Amino acid sequence: MSNSKHSLDSLKNSSLLRKQGLINGNWVSASASPSTFDVVNPATLDVLATLPEMNSADTKLAVDAAHGAFKTWKKTTARSRARMLRKWSDLMLANQEDLALILTLENGKTLTEAKGEVVYGASFLEWFATQAEMTHGETVPSSNPNQRIVTFKQPIG
């Protein structure tokens, strides 16, 4: 690359750039297809990464894993969900420089615009975290894990 200041080599946290797919919490290569595709920097036409071309079987694995994860996620308390979303937002902001550099190199946008996009994305996670905590009424534990009991206090008379 012509400018090492703006290259993937300058990432402080190189683990932010993965060359695999995330399925069921694991980084995986394409299961059956040896095909790959290049991610190209539109400004320099340099190849940033070569990624596996996932196929329909890989997609099905990912969808099935997401469906299974939802069964657990829906049982997670509002407070736990909010904590996870805030942690994600905090991690985005902590890695803002690297995430912005990756966006710049793969999309050709300015670094300033990419930094703004990272902050903007993190703000959505923070907002969703506040929404997760906005349960109206009091949530009472239930003996049935598929049931949630909510009480509302309303004035009478």
N, C-alpha and C. Protein backbone atom coordinates (compact mmCIF):
# COMPACT_ATOMS: atom_id res chain seq x y z
N MET A 1 0.84 -1.18 0.00
CA MET A 1 0.00 0.00 0.00
C MET A 1 0.88 1.24 0.00
N SER A 2 0.41 2.25 -0.61
CA SER A 2 1.23 3.44 -0.77
C SER A 2 1.36 4.25 0.51
N ASN A 3 0.36 4.23 1.38
CA ASN A 3 0.40 5.03 2.59
C ASN A 3 0.18 4.12 3.79
N SER A 4 1.26 3.79 4.51
CA SER A 4 1.14 2.85 5.62
C SER A 4 0.30 3.41 6.76
N LYS A 5 0.16 4.74 6.83
CA LYS A 5 -0.68 5.35 7.85
C LYS A 5 -2.13 4.92 7.66
N HIS A 6 -2.52 4.72 6.41
CA HIS A 6 -3.89 4.31 6.10
C HIS A 6 -3.88 2.92 5.48
N SER A 7 -3.42 1.95 6.25
CA SER A 7 -3.45 0.56 5.79
C SER A 7 -3.88 -0.32 6.95
N LEU A 8 -4.28 -1.53 6.62
CA LEU A 8 -4.69 -2.47 7.66
C LEU A 8 -3.54 -2.81 8.60
N ASP A 9 -2.31 -2.62 8.15
CA ASP A 9 -1.14 -2.87 9.00
C ASP A 9 -1.09 -1.92 10.20
N SER A 10 -1.79 -0.79 10.10
CA SER A 10 -1.75 0.19 11.19
C SER A 10 -2.88 -0.02 12.22
N LEU A 11 -3.67 -1.09 12.07
CA LEU A 11 -4.71 -1.36 13.07
C LEU A 11 -4.08 -1.65 14.42
N LYS A 12 -4.61 -1.03 15.46
CA LYS A 12 -4.13 -1.30 16.82
C LYS A 12 -4.64 -2.65 17.30
N ASN A 13 -5.85 -3.01 16.86
CA ASN A 13 -6.47 -4.28 17.26
C ASN A 13 -6.80 -5.07 16.00
N SER A 14 -5.86 -5.86 15.55
CA SER A 14 -6.04 -6.59 14.28
C SER A 14 -7.15 -7.64 14.35
N SER A 15 -7.59 -8.00 15.55
CA SER A 15 -8.66 -9.00 15.67
C SER A 15 -10.01 -8.45 15.21
N LEU A 16 -10.09 -7.15 14.96
CA LEU A 16 -11.34 -6.56 14.46
C LEU A 16 -11.61 -6.95 13.02
N LEU A 17 -10.59 -7.37 12.31
CA LEU A 17 -10.75 -7.76 10.91
C LEU A 17 -10.60 -9.27 10.82
N ARG A 18 -11.70 -9.96 10.60
CA ARG A 18 -11.69 -11.41 10.51
C ARG A 18 -11.94 -11.83 9.08
N LYS A 19 -11.34 -12.92 8.67
CA LYS A 19 -11.48 -13.40 7.30
C LYS A 19 -12.28 -14.70 7.26
N GLN A 20 -13.25 -14.78 8.16
CA GLN A 20 -14.14 -15.93 8.24
C GLN A 20 -15.54 -15.44 8.56
N GLY A 21 -16.49 -16.37 8.55
CA GLY A 21 -17.85 -16.05 8.94
C GLY A 21 -18.08 -16.44 10.39
N LEU A 22 -18.94 -15.70 11.08
CA LEU A 22 -19.27 -16.01 12.47
C LEU A 22 -20.58 -16.78 12.49
N ILE A 23 -20.51 -18.05 12.86
CA ILE A 23 -21.70 -18.90 12.94
C ILE A 23 -21.69 -19.60 14.29
N ASN A 24 -22.76 -19.38 15.04
CA ASN A 24 -22.95 -20.02 16.34
C ASN A 24 -21.80 -19.72 17.30
N GLY A 25 -21.31 -18.48 17.24
CA GLY A 25 -20.24 -18.06 18.14
C GLY A 25 -18.85 -18.50 17.74
N ASN A 26 -18.71 -19.12 16.58
CA ASN A 26 -17.41 -19.60 16.12
C ASN A 26 -17.06 -18.99 14.77
N TRP A 27 -15.79 -18.65 14.59
CA TRP A 27 -15.31 -18.16 13.30
C TRP A 27 -15.06 -19.37 12.41
N VAL A 28 -15.73 -19.43 11.26
CA VAL A 28 -15.65 -20.61 10.40
C VAL A 28 -15.34 -20.21 8.96
N SER A 29 -14.71 -21.13 8.26
CA SER A 29 -14.50 -20.97 6.82
C SER A 29 -15.70 -21.56 6.11
N ALA A 30 -15.78 -21.33 4.81
CA ALA A 30 -16.88 -21.91 4.03
C ALA A 30 -16.83 -23.43 4.16
N SER A 31 -18.00 -24.04 4.32
CA SER A 31 -18.04 -25.48 4.60
C SER A 31 -17.72 -26.34 3.38
N ALA A 32 -18.23 -25.97 2.23
CA ALA A 32 -18.06 -26.85 1.07
C ALA A 32 -17.40 -26.16 -0.11
N SER A 33 -17.53 -24.86 -0.17
CA SER A 33 -17.06 -24.13 -1.34
C SER A 33 -15.63 -23.62 -1.14
N PRO A 34 -14.74 -23.96 -2.05
CA PRO A 34 -13.39 -23.40 -1.96
C PRO A 34 -13.32 -21.98 -2.55
N SER A 35 -14.44 -21.49 -3.05
CA SER A 35 -14.47 -20.18 -3.69
C SER A 35 -14.23 -19.07 -2.68
N THR A 36 -13.59 -18.01 -3.16
CA THR A 36 -13.32 -16.84 -2.33
C THR A 36 -13.64 -15.58 -3.14
N PHE A 37 -13.66 -14.46 -2.46
CA PHE A 37 -13.77 -13.18 -3.16
C PHE A 37 -12.87 -12.17 -2.46
N ASP A 38 -12.43 -11.19 -3.23
CA ASP A 38 -11.53 -10.17 -2.71
C ASP A 38 -12.31 -8.94 -2.26
N VAL A 39 -11.88 -8.36 -1.15
CA VAL A 39 -12.36 -7.06 -0.71
C VAL A 39 -11.31 -6.06 -1.18
N VAL A 40 -11.72 -5.12 -2.02
CA VAL A 40 -10.79 -4.23 -2.69
C VAL A 40 -10.97 -2.80 -2.20
N ASN A 41 -9.87 -2.13 -1.92
CA ASN A 41 -9.89 -0.71 -1.59
C ASN A 41 -10.23 0.05 -2.87
N PRO A 42 -11.38 0.75 -2.93
CA PRO A 42 -11.77 1.42 -4.16
C PRO A 42 -10.85 2.57 -4.56
N ALA A 43 -10.10 3.11 -3.61
CA ALA A 43 -9.20 4.23 -3.91
C ALA A 43 -7.90 3.77 -4.56
N THR A 44 -7.41 2.60 -4.14
CA THR A 44 -6.10 2.14 -4.63
C THR A 44 -6.17 0.85 -5.44
N LEU A 45 -7.31 0.19 -5.38
CA LEU A 45 -7.54 -1.12 -6.00
C LEU A 45 -6.67 -2.22 -5.37
N ASP A 46 -6.08 -1.94 -4.21
CA ASP A 46 -5.34 -2.96 -3.47
C ASP A 46 -6.33 -3.95 -2.86
N VAL A 47 -5.96 -5.22 -2.80
CA VAL A 47 -6.78 -6.23 -2.15
C VAL A 47 -6.55 -6.13 -0.64
N LEU A 48 -7.61 -5.85 0.10
CA LEU A 48 -7.52 -5.73 1.55
C LEU A 48 -7.58 -7.09 2.23
N ALA A 49 -8.43 -7.96 1.70
CA ALA A 49 -8.61 -9.29 2.28
C ALA A 49 -9.24 -10.21 1.25
N THR A 50 -9.01 -11.49 1.41
CA THR A 50 -9.68 -12.50 0.60
C THR A 50 -10.55 -13.31 1.54
N LEU A 51 -11.84 -13.34 1.24
CA LEU A 51 -12.82 -13.96 2.14
C LEU A 51 -13.45 -15.19 1.51
N PRO A 52 -13.89 -16.13 2.35
CA PRO A 52 -14.57 -17.31 1.82
C PRO A 52 -15.95 -16.94 1.29
N GLU A 53 -16.33 -17.58 0.22
CA GLU A 53 -17.66 -17.37 -0.34
C GLU A 53 -18.59 -18.41 0.28
N MET A 54 -19.34 -17.98 1.28
CA MET A 54 -20.24 -18.90 1.98
C MET A 54 -21.39 -19.27 1.04
N ASN A 55 -21.88 -20.50 1.18
CA ASN A 55 -22.95 -20.97 0.30
C ASN A 55 -24.26 -21.11 1.07
N SER A 56 -25.27 -21.69 0.43
CA SER A 56 -26.58 -21.81 1.06
C SER A 56 -26.54 -22.72 2.29
N ALA A 57 -25.67 -23.73 2.29
CA ALA A 57 -25.55 -24.59 3.48
C ALA A 57 -25.00 -23.80 4.66
N ASP A 58 -24.01 -22.94 4.40
CA ASP A 58 -23.46 -22.08 5.45
C ASP A 58 -24.52 -21.11 5.96
N THR A 59 -25.30 -20.59 5.03
CA THR A 59 -26.37 -19.66 5.40
C THR A 59 -27.39 -20.35 6.28
N LYS A 60 -27.75 -21.58 5.94
CA LYS A 60 -28.71 -22.34 6.75
C LYS A 60 -28.15 -22.57 8.15
N LEU A 61 -26.87 -22.91 8.25
CA LEU A 61 -26.25 -23.09 9.57
C LEU A 61 -26.34 -21.80 10.39
N ALA A 62 -26.09 -20.67 9.74
CA ALA A 62 -26.13 -19.37 10.43
C ALA A 62 -27.55 -19.04 10.88
N VAL A 63 -28.53 -19.27 10.02
CA VAL A 63 -29.93 -18.98 10.36
C VAL A 63 -30.38 -19.89 11.50
N ASP A 64 -30.05 -21.17 11.42
CA ASP A 64 -30.43 -22.10 12.48
C ASP A 64 -29.77 -21.72 13.81
N ALA A 65 -28.51 -21.31 13.76
CA ALA A 65 -27.81 -20.88 14.98
C ALA A 65 -28.46 -19.63 15.57
N ALA A 66 -28.84 -18.69 14.70
CA ALA A 66 -29.49 -17.47 15.17
C ALA A 66 -30.84 -17.79 15.81
N HIS A 67 -31.57 -18.71 15.20
CA HIS A 67 -32.87 -19.11 15.76
C HIS A 67 -32.67 -19.74 17.14
N GLY A 68 -31.66 -20.60 17.26
CA GLY A 68 -31.36 -21.21 18.56
C GLY A 68 -30.94 -20.18 19.59
N ALA A 69 -30.15 -19.21 19.17
CA ALA A 69 -29.69 -18.15 20.08
C ALA A 69 -30.87 -17.30 20.56
N PHE A 70 -31.86 -17.10 19.69
CA PHE A 70 -33.02 -16.30 20.08
C PHE A 70 -33.78 -16.96 21.23
N LYS A 71 -33.82 -18.28 21.24
CA LYS A 71 -34.52 -18.99 22.32
C LYS A 71 -33.90 -18.65 23.68
N THR A 72 -32.59 -18.49 23.71
CA THR A 72 -31.91 -18.10 24.94
C THR A 72 -32.05 -16.60 25.19
N TRP A 73 -31.87 -15.80 24.13
CA TRP A 73 -31.92 -14.34 24.25
C TRP A 73 -33.26 -13.86 24.79
N LYS A 74 -34.35 -14.47 24.35
CA LYS A 74 -35.67 -14.00 24.79
C LYS A 74 -35.91 -14.26 26.27
N LYS A 75 -35.11 -15.14 26.87
CA LYS A 75 -35.22 -15.40 28.31
C LYS A 75 -34.28 -14.50 29.13
N THR A 76 -33.47 -13.71 28.45
CA THR A 76 -32.52 -12.83 29.11
C THR A 76 -33.27 -11.64 29.70
N THR A 77 -32.90 -11.23 30.90
CA THR A 77 -33.59 -10.11 31.54
C THR A 77 -33.30 -8.80 30.80
N ALA A 78 -34.18 -7.84 30.99
CA ALA A 78 -34.01 -6.53 30.36
C ALA A 78 -32.70 -5.89 30.79
N ARG A 79 -32.36 -6.02 32.05
CA ARG A 79 -31.11 -5.43 32.56
C ARG A 79 -29.89 -6.08 31.90
N SER A 80 -29.92 -7.40 31.74
CA SER A 80 -28.79 -8.09 31.10
C SER A 80 -28.67 -7.68 29.64
N ARG A 81 -29.80 -7.57 28.96
CA ARG A 81 -29.77 -7.13 27.55
C ARG A 81 -29.17 -5.74 27.45
N ALA A 82 -29.61 -4.86 28.33
CA ALA A 82 -29.10 -3.48 28.31
C ALA A 82 -27.59 -3.46 28.55
N ARG A 83 -27.12 -4.27 29.50
CA ARG A 83 -25.68 -4.33 29.78
C ARG A 83 -24.90 -4.79 28.55
N MET A 84 -25.41 -5.82 27.88
CA MET A 84 -24.72 -6.34 26.70
C MET A 84 -24.68 -5.30 25.58
N LEU A 85 -25.79 -4.61 25.37
CA LEU A 85 -25.84 -3.59 24.32
C LEU A 85 -24.91 -2.43 24.65
N ARG A 86 -24.88 -2.02 25.91
CA ARG A 86 -23.96 -0.94 26.31
C ARG A 86 -22.50 -1.37 26.15
N LYS A 87 -22.20 -2.60 26.50
CA LYS A 87 -20.83 -3.09 26.34
C LYS A 87 -20.43 -3.06 24.87
N TRP A 88 -21.34 -3.48 24.00
CA TRP A 88 -21.09 -3.45 22.56
C TRP A 88 -20.82 -2.02 22.12
N SER A 89 -21.65 -1.08 22.56
CA SER A 89 -21.47 0.33 22.22
C SER A 89 -20.12 0.83 22.73
N ASP A 90 -19.78 0.50 23.97
CA ASP A 90 -18.50 0.92 24.55
C ASP A 90 -17.32 0.35 23.75
N LEU A 91 -17.44 -0.91 23.32
CA LEU A 91 -16.37 -1.52 22.53
C LEU A 91 -16.22 -0.83 21.17
N MET A 92 -17.34 -0.45 20.57
CA MET A 92 -17.27 0.28 19.30
C MET A 92 -16.53 1.60 19.49
N LEU A 93 -16.88 2.31 20.55
CA LEU A 93 -16.24 3.61 20.80
C LEU A 93 -14.77 3.44 21.17
N ALA A 94 -14.45 2.40 21.92
CA ALA A 94 -13.05 2.15 22.30
C ALA A 94 -12.20 1.80 21.08
N ASN A 95 -12.83 1.22 20.07
CA ASN A 95 -12.12 0.82 18.84
C ASN A 95 -12.47 1.71 17.65
N GLN A 96 -12.93 2.91 17.95
CA GLN A 96 -13.41 3.83 16.91
C GLN A 96 -12.39 4.07 15.81
N GLU A 97 -11.14 4.29 16.17
CA GLU A 97 -10.11 4.59 15.17
C GLU A 97 -9.94 3.42 14.20
N ASP A 98 -9.82 2.22 14.74
CA ASP A 98 -9.63 1.04 13.89
C ASP A 98 -10.86 0.75 13.03
N LEU A 99 -12.04 0.83 13.64
CA LEU A 99 -13.26 0.56 12.87
C LEU A 99 -13.43 1.59 11.75
N ALA A 100 -13.11 2.84 12.05
CA ALA A 100 -13.20 3.88 11.02
C ALA A 100 -12.19 3.62 9.89
N LEU A 101 -11.00 3.18 10.24
CA LEU A 101 -9.99 2.88 9.22
C LEU A 101 -10.47 1.75 8.31
N ILE A 102 -11.03 0.71 8.90
CA ILE A 102 -11.55 -0.41 8.10
C ILE A 102 -12.64 0.09 7.16
N LEU A 103 -13.58 0.89 7.68
CA LEU A 103 -14.65 1.45 6.83
C LEU A 103 -14.08 2.29 5.70
N THR A 104 -13.09 3.11 6.01
CA THR A 104 -12.47 3.97 5.00
C THR A 104 -11.83 3.14 3.90
N LEU A 105 -11.07 2.14 4.29
CA LEU A 105 -10.35 1.33 3.30
C LEU A 105 -11.29 0.49 2.44
N GLU A 106 -12.37 -0.03 3.02
CA GLU A 106 -13.24 -0.90 2.23
C GLU A 106 -14.30 -0.14 1.45
N ASN A 107 -14.61 1.09 1.86
CA ASN A 107 -15.67 1.85 1.20
C ASN A 107 -15.20 3.09 0.45
N GLY A 108 -14.01 3.56 0.77
CA GLY A 108 -13.50 4.75 0.10
C GLY A 108 -14.01 6.06 0.67
N LYS A 109 -14.68 6.00 1.82
CA LYS A 109 -15.17 7.25 2.42
C LYS A 109 -14.04 7.90 3.21
N THR A 110 -14.23 9.15 3.56
CA THR A 110 -13.20 9.85 4.33
C THR A 110 -13.12 9.28 5.74
N LEU A 111 -11.96 9.42 6.35
CA LEU A 111 -11.77 8.93 7.71
C LEU A 111 -12.69 9.67 8.68
N THR A 112 -12.87 10.96 8.47
CA THR A 112 -13.75 11.75 9.33
C THR A 112 -15.18 11.23 9.25
N GLU A 113 -15.65 10.96 8.04
CA GLU A 113 -17.01 10.44 7.86
C GLU A 113 -17.14 9.05 8.51
N ALA A 114 -16.12 8.22 8.35
CA ALA A 114 -16.15 6.88 8.92
C ALA A 114 -16.17 6.92 10.45
N LYS A 115 -15.41 7.84 11.05
CA LYS A 115 -15.43 7.98 12.51
C LYS A 115 -16.83 8.38 12.98
N GLY A 116 -17.44 9.30 12.25
CA GLY A 116 -18.81 9.70 12.58
C GLY A 116 -19.78 8.54 12.47
N GLU A 117 -19.58 7.68 11.48
CA GLU A 117 -20.46 6.53 11.30
C GLU A 117 -20.32 5.54 12.46
N VAL A 118 -19.12 5.36 12.97
CA VAL A 118 -18.91 4.46 14.11
C VAL A 118 -19.63 5.02 15.34
N VAL A 119 -19.46 6.31 15.59
CA VAL A 119 -20.13 6.94 16.74
C VAL A 119 -21.64 6.86 16.58
N TYR A 120 -22.12 7.10 15.38
CA TYR A 120 -23.55 7.04 15.09
C TYR A 120 -24.08 5.62 15.34
N GLY A 121 -23.37 4.62 14.88
CA GLY A 121 -23.78 3.23 15.10
C GLY A 121 -23.80 2.88 16.58
N ALA A 122 -22.78 3.33 17.32
CA ALA A 122 -22.73 3.07 18.76
C ALA A 122 -23.89 3.75 19.47
N SER A 123 -24.31 4.92 18.98
CA SER A 123 -25.42 5.63 19.62
C SER A 123 -26.72 4.84 19.50
N PHE A 124 -26.90 4.09 18.43
CA PHE A 124 -28.09 3.25 18.29
C PHE A 124 -28.08 2.15 19.34
N LEU A 125 -26.92 1.54 19.56
CA LEU A 125 -26.83 0.48 20.57
C LEU A 125 -27.14 1.04 21.95
N GLU A 126 -26.64 2.23 22.24
CA GLU A 126 -26.92 2.87 23.52
C GLU A 126 -28.42 3.15 23.66
N TRP A 127 -29.04 3.63 22.59
CA TRP A 127 -30.48 3.90 22.62
C TRP A 127 -31.27 2.62 22.86
N PHE A 128 -30.92 1.55 22.15
CA PHE A 128 -31.61 0.27 22.34
C PHE A 128 -31.40 -0.26 23.75
N ALA A 129 -30.23 0.02 24.34
CA ALA A 129 -29.99 -0.39 25.72
C ALA A 129 -30.96 0.32 26.66
N THR A 130 -31.19 1.61 26.44
CA THR A 130 -32.14 2.33 27.29
C THR A 130 -33.55 1.78 27.10
N GLN A 131 -33.89 1.42 25.87
CA GLN A 131 -35.22 0.87 25.60
C GLN A 131 -35.40 -0.49 26.26
N ALA A 132 -34.34 -1.27 26.31
CA ALA A 132 -34.42 -2.59 26.94
C ALA A 132 -34.78 -2.48 28.41
N GLU A 133 -34.35 -1.39 29.03
CA GLU A 133 -34.62 -1.21 30.46
C GLU A 133 -35.97 -0.56 30.74
N MET A 134 -36.64 -0.10 29.72
CA MET A 134 -37.91 0.60 29.91
C MET A 134 -39.08 -0.37 29.98
N THR A 135 -39.05 -1.23 30.95
CA THR A 135 -40.22 -2.08 31.15
C THR A 135 -41.20 -1.27 31.97
N HIS A 136 -42.42 -1.24 31.53
CA HIS A 136 -43.44 -0.48 32.24
C HIS A 136 -44.11 -1.41 33.23
N GLY A 137 -44.12 -1.01 34.47
CA GLY A 137 -44.65 -1.88 35.50
C GLY A 137 -43.52 -2.66 36.13
N GLU A 138 -43.89 -3.63 36.93
CA GLU A 138 -42.89 -4.45 37.62
C GLU A 138 -42.92 -5.86 37.05
N THR A 139 -41.75 -6.39 36.75
CA THR A 139 -41.67 -7.75 36.24
C THR A 139 -41.46 -8.68 37.41
N VAL A 140 -42.34 -9.67 37.51
CA VAL A 140 -42.30 -10.63 38.61
C VAL A 140 -41.79 -11.96 38.07
N PRO A 141 -40.85 -12.60 38.76
CA PRO A 141 -40.37 -13.90 38.27
C PRO A 141 -41.50 -14.92 38.19
N SER A 142 -41.41 -15.77 37.20
CA SER A 142 -42.42 -16.81 37.00
C SER A 142 -41.76 -18.17 37.13
N SER A 143 -42.52 -19.14 37.58
CA SER A 143 -41.99 -20.50 37.65
C SER A 143 -41.89 -21.14 36.27
N ASN A 144 -42.61 -20.57 35.32
CA ASN A 144 -42.58 -21.04 33.93
C ASN A 144 -41.59 -20.18 33.15
N PRO A 145 -40.50 -20.75 32.64
CA PRO A 145 -39.49 -19.94 31.93
C PRO A 145 -40.00 -19.32 30.63
N ASN A 146 -41.13 -19.78 30.12
CA ASN A 146 -41.70 -19.22 28.89
C ASN A 146 -42.75 -18.17 29.18
N GLN A 147 -42.84 -17.74 30.42
CA GLN A 147 -43.88 -16.79 30.81
C GLN A 147 -43.24 -15.64 31.58
N ARG A 148 -43.71 -14.45 31.32
CA ARG A 148 -43.24 -13.27 32.04
C ARG A 148 -44.47 -12.60 32.65
N ILE A 149 -44.40 -12.26 33.93
CA ILE A 149 -45.52 -11.63 34.62
C ILE A 149 -45.16 -10.16 34.84
N VAL A 150 -46.04 -9.27 34.42
CA VAL A 150 -45.82 -7.84 34.58
C VAL A 150 -47.01 -7.26 35.32
N THR A 151 -46.74 -6.44 36.34
CA THR A 151 -47.82 -5.78 37.07
C THR A 151 -47.78 -4.29 36.79
N PHE A 152 -48.95 -3.68 36.75
CA PHE A 152 -49.08 -2.24 36.53
C PHE A 152 -49.85 -1.65 37.70
N LYS A 153 -49.31 -0.59 38.28
CA LYS A 153 -50.02 0.10 39.37
C LYS A 153 -50.82 1.24 38.75
N GLN A 154 -52.13 1.21 38.99
CA GLN A 154 -52.99 2.24 38.45
C GLN A 154 -53.89 2.77 39.56
N PRO A 155 -54.14 4.08 39.56
CA PRO A 155 -55.02 4.63 40.60
C PRO A 155 -56.46 4.14 40.40
N ILE A 156 -57.14 3.93 41.51
CA ILE A 156 -58.54 3.49 41.46
C ILE A 156 -59.38 4.61 42.04
N GLY A 157 -60.48 4.93 41.37
CA GLY A 157 -61.43 5.88 41.91
C GLY A 157 -61.24 7.27 41.40
